[in-house]
Amino acid sequence: MKILVVGGTGNLGRQIVKQALDEGYVVKCMVRDFRRSAFLRDWGAELIYGDLSIPETIPIAVKDVNVVIDAATIRSNSSSTAEIVDFKGKKALIEASKLANIDRIIQFSLLNASQNADVPLLDLKLTLERFVKESGLKFTIFQCSGFFQGLISQYAVPILDNQKIWLTSDPLPVAYLDTQDAAKAVIETLSNDTYKNEVVSLIGEKFWTATEIITLCERLSGKTAKISYIPGITFSVLGRFFRFFESTWNIADRLQFGELNLGNSTIKKPTNELIWSTSRLSLEKYLQEYFGRILKKLKETNYQQLQKSSDISFL
């Protein structure tokens, strides 16, 4: 079986590529920058040029593959927009996949998107879900909540560097998941017909609030977090401001996405959750390993500096 991975340089995409290769699949990655994607080739994947913002580059990428795994998402600092990449580009990918007669397409959406269809970014996700379902292709859509890797820059690094952590007044709990566990589950479904033509929640075992994560990071790091709260009106004002300029639409989308955290501190566990065949890494274990490595490195650095200082001769 040959797999095309779109978005293979991202946090989730690279883990999917690695897991697929480890499982013996032939993997092709559609990339925009060969130099930035060189590590994927080193792992054993084939690289082919393709850009979701340039639809005419897509058909050649989907040629001679059995499965398309679309793990791409637009970055907030991208020169393109979510409308072009996350909708038009992905729609072109689906149409090209249909013409190429692929066996299955796998895409990723967001948990509880249907409850917040007024947010442009989530509305695009929902519209794309409908398009996939109506395409006639066999599909699996994974609804994700959040990944461990994003918590490092959001919470761990600011605490270690004595920087402020910015929170809304009532952040929404999130069922964070390790990207390696997510990748294993995705690749496992390729040989399981149970999840064909299904929408499945791909989430962690527990929903975590921001306060709980910060408390955990404080305990593991031995440091106290500096927390500042952002008034809810700030998201609305900044979102409307950035909406005036096409170059900052991506920022506006994410600011409006941030408003989902306001005034809703409870969430229902989804009924369409993936049935896991293996245990998932817990957030406690993940952060424990992270802080353990960082603190060990800091101790080694401090020791080396002390050794250098003691070697200085004052004659």
C-alpha atoms as a PDB file:
ATOM      1  CA  MET A   1       0.000   0.000   0.000  1.00  0.00           C
ATOM      2  CA  LYS A   2       1.303   3.432  -0.937  1.00  0.00           C
ATOM      3  CA  ILE A   3       0.367   6.451   1.180  1.00  0.00           C
ATOM      4  CA  LEU A   4       0.495  10.138   0.308  1.00  0.00           C
ATOM      5  CA  VAL A   5       0.899  12.375   3.353  1.00  0.00           C
ATOM      6  CA  VAL A   6       0.078  16.057   2.993  1.00  0.00           C
ATOM      7  CA  GLY A   7       1.445  18.212   5.812  1.00  0.00           C
ATOM      8  CA  GLY A   8       4.267  15.803   6.619  1.00  0.00           C
ATOM      9  CA  THR A   9       6.495  18.452   8.222  1.00  0.00           C
ATOM     10  CA  GLY A  10       3.930  19.363  10.897  1.00  0.00           C
ATOM     11  CA  ASN A  11       3.851  18.018  14.458  1.00  0.00           C
ATOM     12  CA  LEU A  12       1.232  15.382  13.633  1.00  0.00           C
ATOM     13  CA  GLY A  13       2.165  14.844   9.995  1.00  0.00           C
ATOM     14  CA  ARG A  14       5.788  13.902  10.684  1.00  0.00           C
ATOM     15  CA  GLN A  15       4.706  11.334  13.269  1.00  0.00           C
ATOM     16  CA  ILE A  16       2.280   9.826  10.752  1.00  0.00           C
ATOM     17  CA  VAL A  17       5.071   9.581   8.179  1.00  0.00           C
ATOM     18  CA  LYS A  18       7.420   7.933  10.671  1.00  0.00           C
ATOM     19  CA  GLN A  19       4.811   5.480  11.928  1.00  0.00           C
ATOM     20  CA  ALA A  20       3.765   4.512   8.405  1.00  0.00           C
ATOM     21  CA  LEU A  21       7.380   3.870   7.393  1.00  0.00           C
ATOM     22  CA  ASP A  22       7.983   1.850  10.562  1.00  0.00           C
ATOM     23  CA  GLU A  23       4.954  -0.277   9.695  1.00  0.00           C
ATOM     24  CA  GLY A  24       6.364  -1.020   6.243  1.00  0.00           C
ATOM     25  CA  TYR A  25       4.157   1.243   4.122  1.00  0.00           C
ATOM     26  CA  VAL A  26       5.516   3.057   1.085  1.00  0.00           C
ATOM     27  CA  VAL A  27       5.175   6.756   1.854  1.00  0.00           C
ATOM     28  CA  LYS A  28       5.137   9.756  -0.461  1.00  0.00           C
ATOM     29  CA  CYS A  29       5.003  13.297   0.977  1.00  0.00           C
ATOM     30  CA  MET A  30       3.609  16.305  -0.859  1.00  0.00           C
ATOM     31  CA  VAL A  31       5.836  19.217   0.128  1.00  0.00           C
ATOM     32  CA  ARG A  32       6.440  22.828  -0.830  1.00  0.00           C
ATOM     33  CA  ASP A  33      10.037  23.125   0.373  1.00  0.00           C
ATOM     34  CA  PHE A  34      12.410  20.222  -0.326  1.00  0.00           C
ATOM     35  CA  ARG A  35      15.145  21.594   1.911  1.00  0.00           C
ATOM     36  CA  ARG A  36      12.806  21.963   4.902  1.00  0.00           C
ATOM     37  CA  SER A  37      11.424  18.481   4.232  1.00  0.00           C
ATOM     38  CA  ALA A  38      14.792  16.746   3.759  1.00  0.00           C
ATOM     39  CA  PHE A  39      14.467  14.853   7.049  1.00  0.00           C
ATOM     40  CA  LEU A  40      11.418  13.027   5.651  1.00  0.00           C
ATOM     41  CA  ARG A  41      13.511  11.780   2.719  1.00  0.00           C
ATOM     42  CA  ASP A  42      16.231  10.719   5.164  1.00  0.00           C
ATOM     43  CA  TRP A  43      13.631   8.614   6.970  1.00  0.00           C
ATOM     44  CA  GLY A  44      12.767   6.851   3.715  1.00  0.00           C
ATOM     45  CA  ALA A  45       9.838   8.817   2.296  1.00  0.00           C
ATOM     46  CA  GLU A  46       9.579   9.967  -1.309  1.00  0.00           C
ATOM     47  CA  LEU A  47       9.166  13.721  -1.740  1.00  0.00           C
ATOM     48  CA  ILE A  48       7.055  15.311  -4.451  1.00  0.00           C
ATOM     49  CA  TYR A  49       6.312  18.975  -4.947  1.00  0.00           C
ATOM     50  CA  GLY A  50       2.772  20.146  -4.299  1.00  0.00           C
ATOM     51  CA  ASP A  51       1.074  23.194  -2.799  1.00  0.00           C
ATOM     52  CA  LEU A  52      -2.541  23.310  -1.608  1.00  0.00           C
ATOM     53  CA  SER A  53      -2.669  26.986  -2.560  1.00  0.00           C
ATOM     54  CA  ILE A  54      -1.767  26.015  -6.152  1.00  0.00           C
ATOM     55  CA  PRO A  55      -4.389  23.366  -7.112  1.00  0.00           C
ATOM     56  CA  GLU A  56      -2.745  22.464 -10.419  1.00  0.00           C
ATOM     57  CA  THR A  57       0.222  20.962  -8.503  1.00  0.00           C
ATOM     58  CA  ILE A  58      -1.974  18.434  -6.686  1.00  0.00           C
ATOM     59  CA  PRO A  59      -2.978  15.805  -9.331  1.00  0.00           C
ATOM     60  CA  ILE A  60       0.562  14.574  -9.953  1.00  0.00           C
ATOM     61  CA  ALA A  61       1.059  14.098  -6.209  1.00  0.00           C
ATOM     62  CA  VAL A  62      -1.957  11.788  -5.791  1.00  0.00           C
ATOM     63  CA  LYS A  63      -0.998   9.657  -8.794  1.00  0.00           C
ATOM     64  CA  ASP A  64      -0.345   5.972  -8.043  1.00  0.00           C
ATOM     65  CA  VAL A  65      -1.210   6.111  -4.325  1.00  0.00           C
ATOM     66  CA  ASN A  66      -3.803   4.083  -2.431  1.00  0.00           C
ATOM     67  CA  VAL A  67      -4.454   6.335   0.569  1.00  0.00           C
ATOM     68  CA  VAL A  68      -4.237  10.103   1.051  1.00  0.00           C
ATOM     69  CA  ILE A  69      -3.665  11.359   4.599  1.00  0.00           C
ATOM     70  CA  ASP A  70      -4.221  15.102   4.813  1.00  0.00           C
ATOM     71  CA  ALA A  71      -2.582  16.439   7.978  1.00  0.00           C
ATOM     72  CA  ALA A  72      -1.936  19.928   6.608  1.00  0.00           C
ATOM     73  CA  THR A  73      -3.137  23.132   8.209  1.00  0.00           C
ATOM     74  CA  ILE A  74      -2.371  26.757   7.543  1.00  0.00           C
ATOM     75  CA  ARG A  75      -0.038  28.626   9.882  1.00  0.00           C
ATOM     76  CA  SER A  76      -1.042  31.949  11.406  1.00  0.00           C
ATOM     77  CA  ASN A  77       1.954  33.659   9.744  1.00  0.00           C
ATOM     78  CA  SER A  78       1.255  32.192   6.301  1.00  0.00           C
ATOM     79  CA  SER A  79       1.060  34.541   3.331  1.00  0.00           C
ATOM     80  CA  SER A  80      -2.049  32.633   2.195  1.00  0.00           C
ATOM     81  CA  THR A  81      -5.439  32.351   3.946  1.00  0.00           C
ATOM     82  CA  ALA A  82      -7.486  29.571   5.524  1.00  0.00           C
ATOM     83  CA  GLU A  83     -10.083  30.004   2.769  1.00  0.00           C
ATOM     84  CA  ILE A  84      -7.450  29.249   0.119  1.00  0.00           C
ATOM     85  CA  VAL A  85      -5.540  26.460   1.883  1.00  0.00           C
ATOM     86  CA  ASP A  86      -7.895  24.841   4.424  1.00  0.00           C
ATOM     87  CA  PHE A  87     -10.894  24.879   2.115  1.00  0.00           C
ATOM     88  CA  LYS A  88     -10.205  25.486  -1.583  1.00  0.00           C
ATOM     89  CA  GLY A  89      -6.894  23.656  -1.509  1.00  0.00           C
ATOM     90  CA  LYS A  90      -8.243  20.685   0.406  1.00  0.00           C
ATOM     91  CA  LYS A  91     -11.325  20.589  -1.806  1.00  0.00           C
ATOM     92  CA  ALA A  92      -9.010  20.367  -4.820  1.00  0.00           C
ATOM     93  CA  LEU A  93      -7.133  17.559  -3.051  1.00  0.00           C
ATOM     94  CA  ILE A  94     -10.389  15.621  -2.585  1.00  0.00           C
ATOM     95  CA  GLU A  95     -11.392  16.136  -6.219  1.00  0.00           C
ATOM     96  CA  ALA A  96      -7.959  15.020  -7.443  1.00  0.00           C
ATOM     97  CA  SER A  97      -8.125  11.966  -5.157  1.00  0.00           C
ATOM     98  CA  LYS A  98     -11.491  11.041  -6.608  1.00  0.00           C
ATOM     99  CA  LEU A  99     -10.170  11.272 -10.169  1.00  0.00           C
ATOM    100  CA  ALA A 100      -7.172   9.148  -9.161  1.00  0.00           C
ATOM    101  CA  ASN A 101      -9.494   6.461  -7.725  1.00  0.00           C
ATOM    102  CA  ILE A 102      -7.711   6.258  -4.389  1.00  0.00           C
ATOM    103  CA  ASP A 103      -8.976   3.729  -1.856  1.00  0.00           C
ATOM    104  CA  ARG A 104      -9.425   6.094   1.082  1.00  0.00           C
ATOM    105  CA  ILE A 105      -8.831   9.659   2.194  1.00  0.00           C
ATOM    106  CA  ILE A 106      -8.093  10.541   5.827  1.00  0.00           C
ATOM    107  CA  GLN A 107      -8.627  14.045   7.112  1.00  0.00           C
ATOM    108  CA  PHE A 108      -8.512  15.856  10.450  1.00  0.00           C
ATOM    109  CA  SER A 109     -11.116  18.192  11.869  1.00  0.00           C
ATOM    110  CA  LEU A 110     -11.787  19.725  15.286  1.00  0.00           C
ATOM    111  CA  LEU A 111     -13.769  18.314  18.176  1.00  0.00           C
ATOM    112  CA  ASN A 112     -17.130  20.039  18.771  1.00  0.00           C
ATOM    113  CA  ALA A 113     -16.794  22.118  15.592  1.00  0.00           C
ATOM    114  CA  SER A 114     -20.527  21.736  14.916  1.00  0.00           C
ATOM    115  CA  GLN A 115     -21.315  23.550  18.160  1.00  0.00           C
ATOM    116  CA  ASN A 116     -19.372  26.613  17.009  1.00  0.00           C
ATOM    117  CA  ALA A 117     -20.205  26.882  13.318  1.00  0.00           C
ATOM    118  CA  ASP A 118     -20.235  30.694  13.571  1.00  0.00           C
ATOM    119  CA  VAL A 119     -16.425  30.684  13.822  1.00  0.00           C
ATOM    120  CA  PRO A 120     -15.055  30.983  10.236  1.00  0.00           C
ATOM    121  CA  LEU A 121     -12.238  28.482  10.734  1.00  0.00           C
ATOM    122  CA  LEU A 122     -14.594  25.863  12.172  1.00  0.00           C
ATOM    123  CA  ASP A 123     -17.215  26.550   9.526  1.00  0.00           C
ATOM    124  CA  LEU A 124     -14.579  25.747   6.887  1.00  0.00           C
ATOM    125  CA  LYS A 125     -13.825  22.466   8.669  1.00  0.00           C
ATOM    126  CA  LEU A 126     -17.521  21.543   8.768  1.00  0.00           C
ATOM    127  CA  THR A 127     -18.055  22.439   5.114  1.00  0.00           C
ATOM    128  CA  LEU A 128     -15.048  20.333   4.149  1.00  0.00           C
ATOM    129  CA  GLU A 129     -16.385  17.399   6.206  1.00  0.00           C
ATOM    130  CA  ARG A 130     -19.630  17.544   4.238  1.00  0.00           C
ATOM    131  CA  PHE A 131     -17.724  17.745   0.962  1.00  0.00           C
ATOM    132  CA  VAL A 132     -15.703  14.628   1.833  1.00  0.00           C
ATOM    133  CA  LYS A 133     -18.836  12.700   2.771  1.00  0.00           C
ATOM    134  CA  GLU A 134     -20.548  13.664  -0.490  1.00  0.00           C
ATOM    135  CA  SER A 135     -17.491  12.954  -2.664  1.00  0.00           C
ATOM    136  CA  GLY A 136     -18.130   9.230  -2.995  1.00  0.00           C
ATOM    137  CA  LEU A 137     -14.657   8.452  -1.653  1.00  0.00           C
ATOM    138  CA  LYS A 138     -14.159   6.113   1.280  1.00  0.00           C
ATOM    139  CA  PHE A 139     -13.051   8.334   4.134  1.00  0.00           C
ATOM    140  CA  THR A 140     -12.155   8.599   7.797  1.00  0.00           C
ATOM    141  CA  ILE A 141     -12.377  11.984   9.520  1.00  0.00           C
ATOM    142  CA  PHE A 142     -10.593  12.313  12.850  1.00  0.00           C
ATOM    143  CA  GLN A 143     -11.855  15.058  15.165  1.00  0.00           C
ATOM    144  CA  CYS A 144      -8.985  16.239  17.356  1.00  0.00           C
ATOM    145  CA  SER A 145      -8.938  18.331  20.499  1.00  0.00           C
ATOM    146  CA  GLY A 146      -5.281  19.233  21.070  1.00  0.00           C
ATOM    147  CA  PHE A 147      -1.791  17.759  21.270  1.00  0.00           C
ATOM    148  CA  PHE A 148       0.809  17.613  24.049  1.00  0.00           C
ATOM    149  CA  GLN A 149       3.480  19.209  21.866  1.00  0.00           C
ATOM    150  CA  GLY A 150       1.661  22.548  21.751  1.00  0.00           C
ATOM    151  CA  LEU A 151       1.708  22.809  25.548  1.00  0.00           C
ATOM    152  CA  ILE A 152       5.482  23.211  25.702  1.00  0.00           C
ATOM    153  CA  SER A 153       5.544  26.702  24.176  1.00  0.00           C
ATOM    154  CA  GLN A 154       2.217  27.628  25.753  1.00  0.00           C
ATOM    155  CA  TYR A 155       2.971  26.677  29.358  1.00  0.00           C
ATOM    156  CA  ALA A 156       6.273  24.896  30.012  1.00  0.00           C
ATOM    157  CA  VAL A 157       8.710  27.337  28.402  1.00  0.00           C
ATOM    158  CA  PRO A 158       7.124  30.501  29.914  1.00  0.00           C
ATOM    159  CA  ILE A 159       7.265  28.929  33.381  1.00  0.00           C
ATOM    160  CA  LEU A 160      10.923  27.934  32.979  1.00  0.00           C
ATOM    161  CA  ASP A 161      11.813  31.384  31.608  1.00  0.00           C
ATOM    162  CA  ASN A 162       9.783  33.267  34.238  1.00  0.00           C
ATOM    163  CA  GLN A 163       7.561  34.724  31.518  1.00  0.00           C
ATOM    164  CA  LYS A 164       3.844  35.437  31.742  1.00  0.00           C
ATOM    165  CA  ILE A 165       1.220  32.918  30.705  1.00  0.00           C
ATOM    166  CA  TRP A 166      -1.836  34.594  29.182  1.00  0.00           C
ATOM    167  CA  LEU A 167      -5.204  32.978  29.865  1.00  0.00           C
ATOM    168  CA  THR A 168      -8.852  33.750  29.302  1.00  0.00           C
ATOM    169  CA  SER A 169     -11.040  33.954  32.402  1.00  0.00           C
ATOM    170  CA  ASP A 170     -12.711  30.567  31.898  1.00  0.00           C
ATOM    171  CA  PRO A 171     -10.714  28.389  29.462  1.00  0.00           C
ATOM    172  CA  LEU A 172     -12.344  25.360  27.909  1.00  0.00           C
ATOM    173  CA  PRO A 173     -10.999  21.941  29.024  1.00  0.00           C
ATOM    174  CA  VAL A 174      -9.077  20.109  26.311  1.00  0.00           C
ATOM    175  CA  ALA A 175      -8.414  16.366  25.911  1.00  0.00           C
ATOM    176  CA  TYR A 176      -4.771  16.638  24.879  1.00  0.00           C
ATOM    177  CA  LEU A 177      -3.123  13.689  23.132  1.00  0.00           C
ATOM    178  CA  ASP A 178       0.449  12.773  22.212  1.00  0.00           C
ATOM    179  CA  THR A 179       1.040  13.036  18.458  1.00  0.00           C
ATOM    180  CA  GLN A 180       2.860   9.695  18.464  1.00  0.00           C
ATOM    181  CA  ASP A 181      -0.219   7.978  19.911  1.00  0.00           C
ATOM    182  CA  ALA A 182      -2.404   9.774  17.378  1.00  0.00           C
ATOM    183  CA  ALA A 183      -0.163   8.654  14.505  1.00  0.00           C
ATOM    184  CA  LYS A 184      -0.216   5.030  15.677  1.00  0.00           C
ATOM    185  CA  ALA A 185      -4.010   5.087  15.816  1.00  0.00           C
ATOM    186  CA  VAL A 186      -4.316   6.638  12.348  1.00  0.00           C
ATOM    187  CA  ILE A 187      -2.005   4.098  10.709  1.00  0.00           C
ATOM    188  CA  GLU A 188      -3.708   1.245  12.555  1.00  0.00           C
ATOM    189  CA  THR A 189      -7.062   2.174  11.015  1.00  0.00           C
ATOM    190  CA  LEU A 190      -5.654   1.622   7.515  1.00  0.00           C
ATOM    191  CA  SER A 191      -6.004  -2.118   8.022  1.00  0.00           C
ATOM    192  CA  ASN A 192      -9.319  -1.838   9.878  1.00  0.00           C
ATOM    193  CA  ASP A 193     -12.567  -1.395   7.949  1.00  0.00           C
ATOM    194  CA  THR A 194     -14.409  -0.421  11.159  1.00  0.00           C
ATOM    195  CA  TYR A 195     -13.583   3.240  10.622  1.00  0.00           C
ATOM    196  CA  LYS A 196     -14.290   3.493   6.903  1.00  0.00           C
ATOM    197  CA  ASN A 197     -16.802   6.270   6.169  1.00  0.00           C
ATOM    198  CA  GLU A 198     -16.792   7.282   9.834  1.00  0.00           C
ATOM    199  CA  VAL A 199     -16.149  10.458  11.813  1.00  0.00           C
ATOM    200  CA  VAL A 200     -14.072   9.532  14.865  1.00  0.00           C
ATOM    201  CA  SER A 201     -12.891  11.511  17.892  1.00  0.00           C
ATOM    202  CA  LEU A 202      -9.127  11.210  18.346  1.00  0.00           C
ATOM    203  CA  ILE A 203      -8.509  12.548  21.848  1.00  0.00           C
ATOM    204  CA  GLY A 204      -6.671  11.937  25.109  1.00  0.00           C
ATOM    205  CA  GLU A 205      -7.986  10.115  28.154  1.00  0.00           C
ATOM    206  CA  LYS A 206      -8.684  13.246  30.212  1.00  0.00           C
ATOM    207  CA  PHE A 207      -9.954  16.772  29.625  1.00  0.00           C
ATOM    208  CA  TRP A 208      -7.535  19.246  31.194  1.00  0.00           C
ATOM    209  CA  THR A 209      -8.171  22.838  32.205  1.00  0.00           C
ATOM    210  CA  ALA A 210      -5.414  25.418  31.840  1.00  0.00           C
ATOM    211  CA  THR A 211      -5.230  25.763  35.620  1.00  0.00           C
ATOM    212  CA  GLU A 212      -4.652  22.032  36.050  1.00  0.00           C
ATOM    213  CA  ILE A 213      -1.872  22.055  33.449  1.00  0.00           C
ATOM    214  CA  ILE A 214      -0.157  25.041  35.042  1.00  0.00           C
ATOM    215  CA  THR A 215      -0.333  23.394  38.485  1.00  0.00           C
ATOM    216  CA  LEU A 216       1.232  20.252  37.040  1.00  0.00           C
ATOM    217  CA  CYS A 217       4.006  22.243  35.343  1.00  0.00           C
ATOM    218  CA  GLU A 218       4.717  24.131  38.581  1.00  0.00           C
ATOM    219  CA  ARG A 219       5.050  20.881  40.520  1.00  0.00           C
ATOM    220  CA  LEU A 220       7.354  19.279  37.944  1.00  0.00           C
ATOM    221  CA  SER A 221       9.528  22.356  37.376  1.00  0.00           C
ATOM    222  CA  GLY A 222       9.663  23.607  40.948  1.00  0.00           C
ATOM    223  CA  LYS A 223       8.782  27.087  39.727  1.00  0.00           C
ATOM    224  CA  THR A 224       5.762  29.330  40.164  1.00  0.00           C
ATOM    225  CA  ALA A 225       3.920  30.491  37.064  1.00  0.00           C
ATOM    226  CA  LYS A 226       3.202  34.142  36.323  1.00  0.00           C
ATOM    227  CA  ILE A 227      -0.376  34.327  35.067  1.00  0.00           C
ATOM    228  CA  SER A 228      -2.237  37.214  33.455  1.00  0.00           C
ATOM    229  CA  TYR A 229      -5.839  37.083  32.284  1.00  0.00           C
ATOM    230  CA  ILE A 230      -7.111  38.490  29.003  1.00  0.00           C
ATOM    231  CA  PRO A 231     -10.600  40.073  29.087  1.00  0.00           C
ATOM    232  CA  GLY A 232     -13.016  38.346  26.711  1.00  0.00           C
ATOM    233  CA  ILE A 233     -13.757  41.599  24.888  1.00  0.00           C
ATOM    234  CA  THR A 234     -10.118  41.728  23.781  1.00  0.00           C
ATOM    235  CA  PHE A 235     -10.589  38.762  21.452  1.00  0.00           C
ATOM    236  CA  SER A 236     -13.581  40.401  19.786  1.00  0.00           C
ATOM    237  CA  VAL A 237     -11.912  43.794  19.345  1.00  0.00           C
ATOM    238  CA  LEU A 238      -8.634  42.405  17.994  1.00  0.00           C
ATOM    239  CA  GLY A 239     -10.463  39.884  15.813  1.00  0.00           C
ATOM    240  CA  ARG A 240     -12.506  42.631  14.146  1.00  0.00           C
ATOM    241  CA  PHE A 241      -9.401  44.797  13.721  1.00  0.00           C
ATOM    242  CA  PHE A 242      -7.318  42.072  12.023  1.00  0.00           C
ATOM    243  CA  ARG A 243     -10.301  41.144   9.820  1.00  0.00           C
ATOM    244  CA  PHE A 244      -9.874  44.501   8.032  1.00  0.00           C
ATOM    245  CA  PHE A 245      -6.584  43.342   6.468  1.00  0.00           C
ATOM    246  CA  GLU A 246      -6.408  40.272   4.253  1.00  0.00           C
ATOM    247  CA  SER A 247      -2.799  39.627   5.319  1.00  0.00           C
ATOM    248  CA  THR A 248      -3.937  39.135   8.946  1.00  0.00           C
ATOM    249  CA  TRP A 249      -7.088  37.070   8.378  1.00  0.00           C
ATOM    250  CA  ASN A 250      -5.322  33.984   9.781  1.00  0.00           C
ATOM    251  CA  ILE A 251      -4.652  35.836  13.038  1.00  0.00           C
ATOM    252  CA  ALA A 252      -8.265  37.031  13.145  1.00  0.00           C
ATOM    253  CA  ASP A 253      -9.511  33.447  12.704  1.00  0.00           C
ATOM    254  CA  ARG A 254      -7.441  32.236  15.625  1.00  0.00           C
ATOM    255  CA  LEU A 255      -8.495  35.129  17.822  1.00  0.00           C
ATOM    256  CA  GLN A 256     -12.119  34.302  17.176  1.00  0.00           C
ATOM    257  CA  PHE A 257     -11.294  30.653  17.809  1.00  0.00           C
ATOM    258  CA  GLY A 258      -9.955  31.772  21.198  1.00  0.00           C
ATOM    259  CA  GLU A 259     -13.376  33.168  22.069  1.00  0.00           C
ATOM    260  CA  LEU A 260     -14.690  29.600  22.289  1.00  0.00           C
ATOM    261  CA  ASN A 261     -12.947  29.356  25.643  1.00  0.00           C
ATOM    262  CA  LEU A 262     -15.107  32.040  27.184  1.00  0.00           C
ATOM    263  CA  GLY A 263     -17.997  31.218  29.466  1.00  0.00           C
ATOM    264  CA  ASN A 264     -17.911  27.453  29.019  1.00  0.00           C
ATOM    265  CA  SER A 265     -15.821  25.394  31.448  1.00  0.00           C
ATOM    266  CA  THR A 266     -17.558  22.046  30.941  1.00  0.00           C
ATOM    267  CA  ILE A 267     -17.538  19.709  27.998  1.00  0.00           C
ATOM    268  CA  LYS A 268     -19.214  16.398  27.254  1.00  0.00           C
ATOM    269  CA  LYS A 269     -17.097  13.393  26.348  1.00  0.00           C
ATOM    270  CA  PRO A 270     -17.811  12.469  22.705  1.00  0.00           C
ATOM    271  CA  THR A 271     -19.697   9.279  21.892  1.00  0.00           C
ATOM    272  CA  ASN A 272     -17.750   8.581  18.692  1.00  0.00           C
ATOM    273  CA  GLU A 273     -14.341   8.154  20.327  1.00  0.00           C
ATOM    274  CA  LEU A 274     -11.797   5.800  18.794  1.00  0.00           C
ATOM    275  CA  ILE A 275     -11.505   2.405  20.482  1.00  0.00           C
ATOM    276  CA  TRP A 276      -7.867   2.215  21.526  1.00  0.00           C
ATOM    277  CA  SER A 277      -5.999  -1.072  21.211  1.00  0.00           C
ATOM    278  CA  THR A 278      -3.020   0.228  23.219  1.00  0.00           C
ATOM    279  CA  SER A 279      -2.591   2.545  26.192  1.00  0.00           C
ATOM    280  CA  ARG A 280      -2.064   6.250  25.617  1.00  0.00           C
ATOM    281  CA  LEU A 281       0.754   8.300  27.074  1.00  0.00           C
ATOM    282  CA  SER A 282      -0.582  10.455  29.903  1.00  0.00           C
ATOM    283  CA  LEU A 283       0.008  14.186  30.065  1.00  0.00           C
ATOM    284  CA  GLU A 284       1.647  13.755  33.479  1.00  0.00           C
ATOM    285  CA  LYS A 285       4.182  11.316  32.043  1.00  0.00           C
ATOM    286  CA  TYR A 286       4.846  13.458  28.974  1.00  0.00           C
ATOM    287  CA  LEU A 287       5.528  16.610  30.985  1.00  0.00           C
ATOM    288  CA  GLN A 288       7.512  14.673  33.564  1.00  0.00           C
ATOM    289  CA  GLU A 289       9.836  13.426  30.827  1.00  0.00           C
ATOM    290  CA  TYR A 290      10.095  16.911  29.309  1.00  0.00           C
ATOM    291  CA  PHE A 291      10.934  18.725  32.535  1.00  0.00           C
ATOM    292  CA  GLY A 292      13.248  15.894  33.568  1.00  0.00           C
ATOM    293  CA  ARG A 293      15.323  16.348  30.405  1.00  0.00           C
ATOM    294  CA  ILE A 294      15.343  20.134  30.637  1.00  0.00           C
ATOM    295  CA  LEU A 295      16.255  20.296  34.327  1.00  0.00           C
ATOM    296  CA  LYS A 296      18.998  17.700  33.831  1.00  0.00           C
ATOM    297  CA  LYS A 297      20.425  19.774  30.981  1.00  0.00           C
ATOM    298  CA  LEU A 298      20.315  22.933  33.109  1.00  0.00           C
ATOM    299  CA  LYS A 299      22.166  21.183  35.948  1.00  0.00           C
ATOM    300  CA  GLU A 300      24.836  19.943  33.534  1.00  0.00           C
ATOM    301  CA  THR A 301      25.230  23.442  32.068  1.00  0.00           C
ATOM    302  CA  ASN A 302      25.527  25.041  35.510  1.00  0.00           C
ATOM    303  CA  TYR A 303      28.069  22.419  36.558  1.00  0.00           C
ATOM    304  CA  GLN A 304      30.182  23.065  33.464  1.00  0.00           C
ATOM    305  CA  GLN A 305      30.078  26.812  34.113  1.00  0.00           C
ATOM    306  CA  LEU A 306      31.183  26.287  37.712  1.00  0.00           C
ATOM    307  CA  GLN A 307      34.025  24.060  36.539  1.00  0.00           C
ATOM    308  CA  LYS A 308      35.198  26.733  34.103  1.00  0.00           C
ATOM    309  CA  SER A 309      35.063  29.348  36.851  1.00  0.00           C
ATOM    310  CA  SER A 310      37.160  27.204  39.200  1.00  0.00           C
ATOM    311  CA  ASP A 311      39.781  26.740  36.468  1.00  0.00           C
ATOM    312  CA  ILE A 312      40.425  30.498  36.213  1.00  0.00           C
ATOM    313  CA  SER A 313      43.769  31.371  37.726  1.00  0.00           C
ATOM    314  CA  PHE A 314      44.221  34.844  39.262  1.00  0.00           C
ATOM    315  CA  LEU A 315      48.020  35.393  39.231  1.00  0.00           C
END
